[in-house]
């Protein structure tokens, strides 16, 4: 079986840790998201992923390729960053351009 997980969060995962740190310190005052922020971020809590692995081991589903994502309603990058900023920081966000590193 192949379980393709979304972006892990919870229990110390580092994906959003810089956003939480910046919000907590309120420096910079605006949390950044890339571009227009409308891109979707499939996420899953690490505990939910562990439960899914256990269920697959126990039940042997018909499908051998499984997408493991949570039921987050608004999973756009801008919305996730906004929630972090409102919950722990100043509530401010801003868009930044995608860096051009490829030539």
N, C-alpha and C. Protein backbone atom coordinates (compact mmCIF):
# COMPACT_ATOMS: atom_id res chain seq x y z
N UNK A 1 0.83 -1.19 0.00
CA UNK A 1 0.00 0.00 0.00
C UNK A 1 0.87 1.25 0.00
N UNK A 2 0.40 2.28 -0.68
CA UNK A 2 1.08 3.57 -0.70
C UNK A 2 0.13 4.60 -0.11
N UNK A 3 0.58 5.25 0.95
CA UNK A 3 -0.21 6.32 1.57
C UNK A 3 0.52 7.62 1.28
N UNK A 4 -0.10 8.45 0.47
CA UNK A 4 0.47 9.75 0.12
C UNK A 4 -0.14 10.79 1.06
N UNK A 5 0.67 11.31 1.96
CA UNK A 5 0.12 12.21 2.97
C UNK A 5 0.22 13.66 2.55
N UNK A 6 -0.69 14.44 3.11
CA UNK A 6 -0.62 15.88 2.96
C UNK A 6 0.51 16.42 3.82
N UNK A 7 0.59 17.73 3.92
CA UNK A 7 1.62 18.37 4.74
C UNK A 7 1.33 18.09 6.20
N UNK A 8 2.29 17.49 6.89
CA UNK A 8 2.10 17.13 8.29
C UNK A 8 2.16 18.35 9.20
N UNK A 9 1.27 18.37 10.18
CA UNK A 9 1.33 19.40 11.22
C UNK A 9 0.99 18.75 12.55
N UNK A 10 1.33 19.44 13.63
CA UNK A 10 1.06 18.93 14.97
C UNK A 10 2.21 18.11 15.52
N UNK A 11 2.32 18.05 16.83
CA UNK A 11 3.33 17.24 17.51
C UNK A 11 4.76 17.63 17.12
N UNK A 12 5.00 18.90 16.84
CA UNK A 12 6.35 19.37 16.61
C UNK A 12 6.84 19.37 15.18
N UNK A 13 5.98 19.12 14.19
CA UNK A 13 6.42 19.15 12.81
C UNK A 13 6.85 20.56 12.43
N UNK A 14 7.85 20.66 11.59
CA UNK A 14 8.50 21.94 11.33
C UNK A 14 7.93 22.73 10.16
N UNK A 15 6.95 22.21 9.44
CA UNK A 15 6.49 22.89 8.23
C UNK A 15 6.00 24.30 8.51
N UNK A 16 5.17 24.48 9.50
CA UNK A 16 4.63 25.80 9.81
C UNK A 16 5.34 26.45 11.01
N UNK A 17 6.41 25.85 11.50
CA UNK A 17 7.03 26.34 12.73
C UNK A 17 7.55 27.77 12.60
N UNK A 18 8.12 28.13 11.45
CA UNK A 18 8.61 29.50 11.28
C UNK A 18 7.46 30.51 11.31
N UNK A 19 6.32 30.13 10.76
CA UNK A 19 5.16 31.03 10.81
C UNK A 19 4.68 31.21 12.25
N UNK A 20 4.64 30.12 13.01
CA UNK A 20 4.23 30.23 14.42
C UNK A 20 5.23 31.07 15.21
N UNK A 21 6.52 30.87 14.96
CA UNK A 21 7.54 31.64 15.67
C UNK A 21 7.43 33.12 15.35
N UNK A 22 7.30 33.45 14.07
CA UNK A 22 7.17 34.86 13.68
C UNK A 22 5.90 35.48 14.25
N UNK A 23 4.81 34.73 14.27
CA UNK A 23 3.55 35.25 14.84
C UNK A 23 3.71 35.50 16.34
N UNK A 24 4.32 34.54 17.03
CA UNK A 24 4.52 34.66 18.47
C UNK A 24 5.37 35.88 18.82
N UNK A 25 6.45 36.06 18.07
CA UNK A 25 7.34 37.19 18.31
C UNK A 25 6.80 38.50 17.72
N UNK A 26 5.81 38.37 16.87
CA UNK A 26 5.23 39.50 16.13
C UNK A 26 6.31 40.25 15.36
N UNK A 27 7.27 39.48 14.85
CA UNK A 27 8.34 40.05 14.03
C UNK A 27 8.67 39.09 12.90
N UNK A 28 8.49 39.49 11.69
CA UNK A 28 7.92 40.76 11.27
C UNK A 28 6.43 40.82 11.60
N UNK A 29 5.86 42.01 11.63
CA UNK A 29 4.46 42.12 12.02
C UNK A 29 3.48 41.46 11.05
N UNK A 30 3.89 41.31 9.80
CA UNK A 30 3.03 40.67 8.79
C UNK A 30 3.60 39.31 8.40
N UNK A 31 2.79 38.28 8.52
CA UNK A 31 3.23 36.95 8.06
C UNK A 31 3.11 36.89 6.55
N UNK A 32 4.08 36.28 5.91
CA UNK A 32 4.12 36.25 4.45
C UNK A 32 3.53 34.96 3.90
N UNK A 33 2.84 35.11 2.76
CA UNK A 33 2.43 33.99 1.94
C UNK A 33 2.91 34.29 0.53
N UNK A 34 3.06 33.27 -0.28
CA UNK A 34 3.67 33.43 -1.60
C UNK A 34 2.60 33.64 -2.67
N UNK A 35 2.85 34.65 -3.52
CA UNK A 35 1.94 34.93 -4.62
C UNK A 35 0.59 35.40 -4.13
N UNK A 36 -0.47 34.94 -4.82
CA UNK A 36 -1.81 35.35 -4.40
C UNK A 36 -2.34 34.51 -3.25
N UNK A 37 -1.65 33.43 -2.91
CA UNK A 37 -2.03 32.60 -1.76
C UNK A 37 -3.22 31.70 -1.99
N UNK A 38 -3.68 31.60 -3.23
CA UNK A 38 -4.85 30.77 -3.51
C UNK A 38 -4.52 29.30 -3.73
N UNK A 39 -3.23 28.96 -3.71
CA UNK A 39 -2.87 27.56 -3.90
C UNK A 39 -3.34 26.73 -2.70
N UNK A 40 -3.78 25.53 -2.99
CA UNK A 40 -4.30 24.65 -1.95
C UNK A 40 -3.17 23.86 -1.30
N UNK A 41 -3.22 23.79 0.02
CA UNK A 41 -2.24 23.03 0.78
C UNK A 41 -2.94 21.84 1.43
N UNK A 42 -2.76 20.65 0.89
CA UNK A 42 -3.35 19.48 1.53
C UNK A 42 -2.61 19.20 2.83
N UNK A 43 -3.31 19.17 3.93
CA UNK A 43 -2.69 18.99 5.24
C UNK A 43 -3.29 17.78 5.95
N UNK A 44 -2.55 17.27 6.92
CA UNK A 44 -3.07 16.22 7.79
C UNK A 44 -2.30 16.26 9.11
N UNK A 45 -3.01 16.09 10.19
CA UNK A 45 -2.37 16.04 11.51
C UNK A 45 -1.64 14.72 11.63
N UNK A 46 -0.46 14.74 12.21
CA UNK A 46 0.37 13.56 12.30
C UNK A 46 -0.35 12.41 13.03
N UNK A 47 -1.16 12.72 14.01
CA UNK A 47 -1.92 11.66 14.72
C UNK A 47 -2.94 11.01 13.80
N UNK A 48 -3.60 11.82 12.97
CA UNK A 48 -4.58 11.27 12.02
C UNK A 48 -3.91 10.37 10.99
N UNK A 49 -2.71 10.76 10.55
CA UNK A 49 -1.98 9.92 9.61
C UNK A 49 -1.60 8.59 10.25
N UNK A 50 -1.17 8.62 11.50
CA UNK A 50 -0.82 7.38 12.21
C UNK A 50 -2.05 6.47 12.33
N UNK A 51 -3.21 7.07 12.64
CA UNK A 51 -4.45 6.27 12.71
C UNK A 51 -4.78 5.64 11.37
N UNK A 52 -4.56 6.41 10.29
CA UNK A 52 -4.86 5.87 8.96
C UNK A 52 -3.95 4.70 8.63
N UNK A 53 -2.68 4.80 8.95
CA UNK A 53 -1.75 3.71 8.70
C UNK A 53 -2.20 2.47 9.45
N UNK A 54 -2.62 2.64 10.69
CA UNK A 54 -3.11 1.51 11.49
C UNK A 54 -4.34 0.87 10.86
N UNK A 55 -5.28 1.70 10.39
CA UNK A 55 -6.50 1.17 9.76
C UNK A 55 -6.19 0.42 8.47
N UNK A 56 -5.25 0.93 7.68
CA UNK A 56 -4.87 0.25 6.44
C UNK A 56 -4.24 -1.10 6.77
N UNK A 57 -3.41 -1.14 7.80
CA UNK A 57 -2.78 -2.39 8.22
C UNK A 57 -3.83 -3.41 8.68
N UNK A 58 -4.84 -2.92 9.41
CA UNK A 58 -5.85 -3.82 9.96
C UNK A 58 -6.91 -4.24 8.95
N UNK A 59 -7.34 -3.32 8.07
CA UNK A 59 -8.50 -3.59 7.22
C UNK A 59 -8.17 -3.96 5.78
N UNK A 60 -6.97 -3.69 5.30
CA UNK A 60 -6.57 -3.99 3.92
C UNK A 60 -7.61 -3.49 2.91
N UNK A 61 -7.62 -2.18 2.64
CA UNK A 61 -8.61 -1.64 1.70
C UNK A 61 -8.37 -2.12 0.27
N UNK A 62 -9.41 -1.97 -0.59
CA UNK A 62 -9.30 -2.38 -1.99
C UNK A 62 -8.27 -1.55 -2.73
N UNK A 63 -8.29 -0.25 -2.50
CA UNK A 63 -7.36 0.63 -3.19
C UNK A 63 -5.98 0.52 -2.55
N UNK A 64 -4.98 0.46 -3.38
CA UNK A 64 -3.63 0.35 -2.85
C UNK A 64 -2.89 1.68 -2.80
N UNK A 65 -3.48 2.73 -3.39
CA UNK A 65 -2.90 4.07 -3.33
C UNK A 65 -3.90 4.97 -2.64
N UNK A 66 -3.51 5.56 -1.52
CA UNK A 66 -4.44 6.30 -0.67
C UNK A 66 -3.92 7.71 -0.43
N UNK A 67 -4.79 8.70 -0.61
CA UNK A 67 -4.44 10.08 -0.29
C UNK A 67 -4.88 10.36 1.14
N UNK A 68 -3.95 10.74 1.98
CA UNK A 68 -4.25 11.01 3.39
C UNK A 68 -4.22 12.51 3.63
N UNK A 69 -5.40 13.12 3.64
CA UNK A 69 -5.54 14.55 3.91
C UNK A 69 -6.68 14.74 4.89
N UNK A 70 -6.64 15.87 5.62
CA UNK A 70 -7.72 16.13 6.56
C UNK A 70 -8.87 16.85 5.86
N UNK A 71 -9.90 17.14 6.60
CA UNK A 71 -11.10 17.76 6.04
C UNK A 71 -11.12 19.28 6.20
N UNK A 72 -9.94 19.90 6.19
CA UNK A 72 -9.88 21.35 6.31
C UNK A 72 -10.70 21.97 5.19
N UNK A 73 -11.64 22.85 5.57
CA UNK A 73 -12.53 23.47 4.57
C UNK A 73 -11.79 24.48 3.70
N UNK A 74 -11.01 25.34 4.33
CA UNK A 74 -10.33 26.41 3.59
C UNK A 74 -8.84 26.18 3.69
N UNK A 75 -8.34 25.38 2.78
CA UNK A 75 -6.93 24.99 2.86
C UNK A 75 -6.02 25.81 1.96
N UNK A 76 -6.48 26.98 1.52
CA UNK A 76 -5.60 27.85 0.73
C UNK A 76 -4.47 28.37 1.62
N UNK A 77 -3.29 28.52 1.00
CA UNK A 77 -2.11 28.98 1.73
C UNK A 77 -2.41 30.27 2.49
N UNK A 78 -3.02 31.26 1.82
CA UNK A 78 -3.30 32.56 2.44
C UNK A 78 -4.20 32.41 3.67
N UNK A 79 -5.19 31.53 3.61
CA UNK A 79 -6.11 31.35 4.74
C UNK A 79 -5.41 30.70 5.93
N UNK A 80 -4.57 29.71 5.67
CA UNK A 80 -3.85 29.05 6.76
C UNK A 80 -2.91 30.03 7.45
N UNK A 81 -2.18 30.82 6.67
CA UNK A 81 -1.27 31.81 7.25
C UNK A 81 -2.05 32.88 8.00
N UNK A 82 -3.20 33.28 7.47
CA UNK A 82 -4.04 34.28 8.14
C UNK A 82 -4.53 33.78 9.50
N UNK A 83 -4.91 32.53 9.58
CA UNK A 83 -5.38 31.96 10.84
C UNK A 83 -4.25 31.95 11.87
N UNK A 84 -3.04 31.59 11.45
CA UNK A 84 -1.90 31.62 12.37
C UNK A 84 -1.66 33.05 12.85
N UNK A 85 -1.70 34.00 11.93
CA UNK A 85 -1.45 35.40 12.29
C UNK A 85 -2.51 35.95 13.24
N UNK A 86 -3.77 35.63 12.97
CA UNK A 86 -4.85 36.10 13.86
C UNK A 86 -4.81 35.42 15.21
N UNK A 87 -4.45 34.15 15.24
CA UNK A 87 -4.45 33.39 16.48
C UNK A 87 -3.31 33.71 17.42
N UNK A 88 -2.14 34.04 16.87
CA UNK A 88 -0.97 34.23 17.71
C UNK A 88 -0.25 35.56 17.49
N UNK A 89 -0.51 36.21 16.37
CA UNK A 89 0.27 37.39 16.02
C UNK A 89 -0.58 38.65 15.94
N UNK A 90 -0.21 39.49 15.00
CA UNK A 90 -0.87 40.78 14.83
C UNK A 90 -2.14 40.70 14.00
N UNK A 91 -2.34 39.58 13.32
CA UNK A 91 -3.48 39.44 12.42
C UNK A 91 -3.18 39.94 11.02
N UNK A 92 -1.96 40.43 10.80
CA UNK A 92 -1.59 40.99 9.50
C UNK A 92 -0.84 39.96 8.66
N UNK A 93 -1.10 40.01 7.35
CA UNK A 93 -0.39 39.15 6.41
C UNK A 93 -0.03 39.98 5.18
N UNK A 94 0.86 39.44 4.36
CA UNK A 94 1.18 40.11 3.11
C UNK A 94 1.67 39.10 2.09
N UNK A 95 1.43 39.43 0.84
CA UNK A 95 1.89 38.61 -0.27
C UNK A 95 3.32 38.97 -0.63
N UNK A 96 4.12 37.96 -0.94
CA UNK A 96 5.48 38.18 -1.45
C UNK A 96 5.58 37.45 -2.79
N UNK A 97 6.44 37.96 -3.66
CA UNK A 97 6.63 37.34 -4.96
C UNK A 97 7.40 36.04 -4.84
N UNK A 98 7.18 35.16 -5.80
CA UNK A 98 7.93 33.93 -5.87
C UNK A 98 9.35 34.28 -6.32
N UNK A 99 10.36 33.88 -5.55
CA UNK A 99 11.72 34.21 -5.97
C UNK A 99 12.09 33.51 -7.28
N UNK A 100 12.76 34.21 -8.13
CA UNK A 100 13.20 33.64 -9.41
C UNK A 100 14.60 33.08 -9.24
N UNK A 101 14.70 31.78 -9.02
CA UNK A 101 16.01 31.16 -8.81
C UNK A 101 16.43 30.30 -10.00
N UNK A 102 15.50 30.09 -10.94
CA UNK A 102 15.80 29.26 -12.11
C UNK A 102 16.10 30.15 -13.30
N UNK A 103 17.10 29.78 -14.10
CA UNK A 103 17.43 30.54 -15.32
C UNK A 103 17.48 29.61 -16.49
